[in-house]
Protein backbone atom coordinates (compact mmCIF):
# COMPACT_ATOMS: atom_id res chain seq x y z
CA MET A 1 12.38 -8.18 10.62
CA SER A 2 13.34 -10.49 13.64
CA GLY A 3 16.78 -9.45 14.29
CA GLY A 4 18.41 -6.20 14.81
CA LYS A 5 17.00 -2.48 13.57
CA VAL A 6 18.41 -0.22 10.95
CA ARG A 7 18.97 3.40 11.56
CA VAL A 8 20.52 5.93 8.96
CA ARG A 9 22.94 8.29 10.32
CA ARG A 10 25.41 10.91 8.79
CA VAL A 11 28.78 9.48 8.73
CA TYR A 12 30.07 12.83 10.49
CA GLU A 13 27.79 12.05 13.45
CA ASP A 14 29.78 10.73 16.39
CA PRO A 15 29.42 7.13 16.68
CA GLU A 16 27.09 5.88 19.61
CA PRO A 17 27.08 2.63 21.58
CA GLY A 18 23.86 1.59 20.15
CA ASP A 19 24.85 1.93 16.35
CA GLY A 20 25.86 -1.67 16.23
CA THR A 21 27.47 -2.39 12.96
CA ARG A 22 28.31 0.67 10.94
CA VAL A 23 28.48 0.62 7.33
CA LEU A 24 29.44 3.38 5.12
CA VAL A 25 27.06 3.73 2.14
CA ASP A 26 28.64 6.00 -0.28
CA ARG A 27 30.87 6.07 -3.20
CA ILE A 28 33.56 8.28 -1.90
CA TRP A 29 35.25 8.62 1.52
CA PRO A 30 33.83 11.38 3.51
CA ARG A 31 36.17 14.63 3.31
CA GLY A 32 38.11 15.17 6.33
CA LEU A 33 37.01 12.09 8.21
CA THR A 34 39.53 9.82 9.60
CA LYS A 35 38.93 5.91 9.73
CA ALA A 36 39.14 6.15 13.44
CA LYS A 37 36.56 8.78 14.01
CA ALA A 38 34.11 7.30 11.65
CA ALA A 39 34.10 3.96 13.33
CA LEU A 40 33.16 2.08 10.32
CA HIS A 41 32.86 -1.69 10.29
CA GLU A 42 32.51 -1.77 6.44
CA TRP A 43 32.21 0.14 3.49
CA CYS A 44 29.59 -0.77 1.13
CA LYS A 45 29.99 1.27 -2.12
CA ASP A 46 27.71 -0.76 -4.08
CA VAL A 47 24.66 0.00 -2.23
CA ALA A 48 25.06 3.65 -2.80
CA PRO A 49 23.33 5.56 -5.68
CA SER A 50 25.67 5.78 -8.64
CA ASP A 51 27.68 9.12 -9.22
CA GLU A 52 25.53 9.66 -12.46
CA LEU A 53 22.36 9.44 -10.46
CA ARG A 54 23.54 11.20 -7.68
CA LYS A 55 24.66 14.43 -9.73
CA TRP A 56 21.51 14.11 -11.76
CA TYR A 57 19.34 14.09 -8.61
CA GLY A 58 21.21 17.20 -7.02
CA HIS A 59 19.10 17.08 -4.02
CA ASP A 60 16.01 18.65 -5.92
CA PRO A 61 12.85 17.84 -4.16
CA ASP A 62 11.15 17.92 -7.56
CA ARG A 63 13.32 14.86 -8.61
CA PHE A 64 12.89 12.76 -5.66
CA ALA A 65 10.35 10.54 -6.96
CA GLU A 66 12.15 9.79 -10.18
CA PHE A 67 15.54 9.52 -8.10
CA GLY A 68 13.77 6.72 -6.11
CA ARG A 69 12.60 4.63 -9.34
CA ARG A 70 16.07 4.93 -10.67
CA TYR A 71 17.87 4.05 -7.49
CA ARG A 72 15.52 0.83 -7.21
CA LEU A 73 16.47 -0.06 -10.81
CA GLU A 74 20.17 0.47 -10.21
CA LEU A 75 19.78 -1.92 -7.03
CA GLN A 76 18.62 -4.74 -9.46
CA ASP A 77 22.21 -5.11 -10.83
CA PRO A 78 23.42 -8.43 -9.64
CA ARG A 79 26.67 -6.93 -7.81
CA ARG A 80 24.45 -4.12 -6.06
CA ALA A 81 21.76 -6.57 -4.97
CA GLU A 82 24.22 -8.88 -3.67
CA ALA A 83 25.58 -6.05 -1.47
CA LEU A 84 22.20 -5.11 -0.51
CA ALA A 85 21.54 -8.79 0.44
CA HIS A 86 24.78 -8.62 2.59
CA MET A 87 23.38 -5.61 4.57
CA ARG A 88 20.05 -7.17 4.94
CA GLY A 89 21.86 -10.05 6.41
CA LEU A 90 23.66 -7.74 9.08
CA SER A 91 20.57 -6.26 9.91
CA LYS A 92 19.03 -9.52 10.65
CA GLU A 93 21.64 -10.22 13.49
CA ARG A 94 22.17 -6.96 15.10
CA GLN A 95 21.65 -3.26 15.12
CA LEU A 96 22.72 -1.86 11.43
CA THR A 97 23.64 1.68 10.80
CA PRO A 98 24.16 2.65 7.36
CA ALA A 99 26.10 5.95 7.41
CA SER A 100 26.55 8.31 4.37
CA ASN A 101 28.37 11.30 3.46
CA PRO A 102 25.66 13.86 2.32
CA ILE A 103 23.57 16.01 4.49
CA SER A 104 20.47 14.47 2.81
CA ALA A 105 21.17 11.03 3.94
CA LYS A 106 18.16 10.75 5.97
CA ARG A 107 15.80 12.14 3.01
CA LEU A 108 17.19 9.59 0.49
CA CYS A 109 15.81 6.18 -0.38
CA TRP A 110 17.88 3.90 1.84
CA PRO A 111 17.72 0.22 1.55
CA THR A 112 16.69 -1.49 4.46
CA CYS A 113 15.99 -5.12 5.70
CA SER A 114 12.34 -4.44 4.78
CA GLY A 115 13.22 -3.18 1.30
CA LEU A 116 13.43 0.31 0.26
CA GLU A 117 11.91 3.03 2.36
CA ALA A 118 11.20 6.16 0.27
CA ARG A 119 10.56 9.35 2.27
CA ALA A 120 10.01 12.51 0.41
CA PRO A 121 12.57 15.39 1.28
CA PRO A 122 11.01 18.40 3.15
CA ARG A 123 10.49 21.14 1.08
């Protein structure tokens, strides 16, 4: 990657000057968070895991590998692939901060400009 960096954060964390472009990557708006407090530049629902996949996973560490496989398959859908390409484009120009609602945001497979980074959740 020649441009900016990607740093995943929880959407509830206070914005920082180094966040660059903050993009909400979730299907639902975070409860109790105003648009002003979130300080988001975009909302990219199509990159988030589907509701069905998210509910199936249920943050169960034993399902993490299968979750990652299914999530990568979801991202092959043309609409989702286009949204992911858009985010990759943003990251080439400047710092990109995908922000998400769940507390496990940093543990999930998140698309970055270099592809999907899969990190197993802590046990």
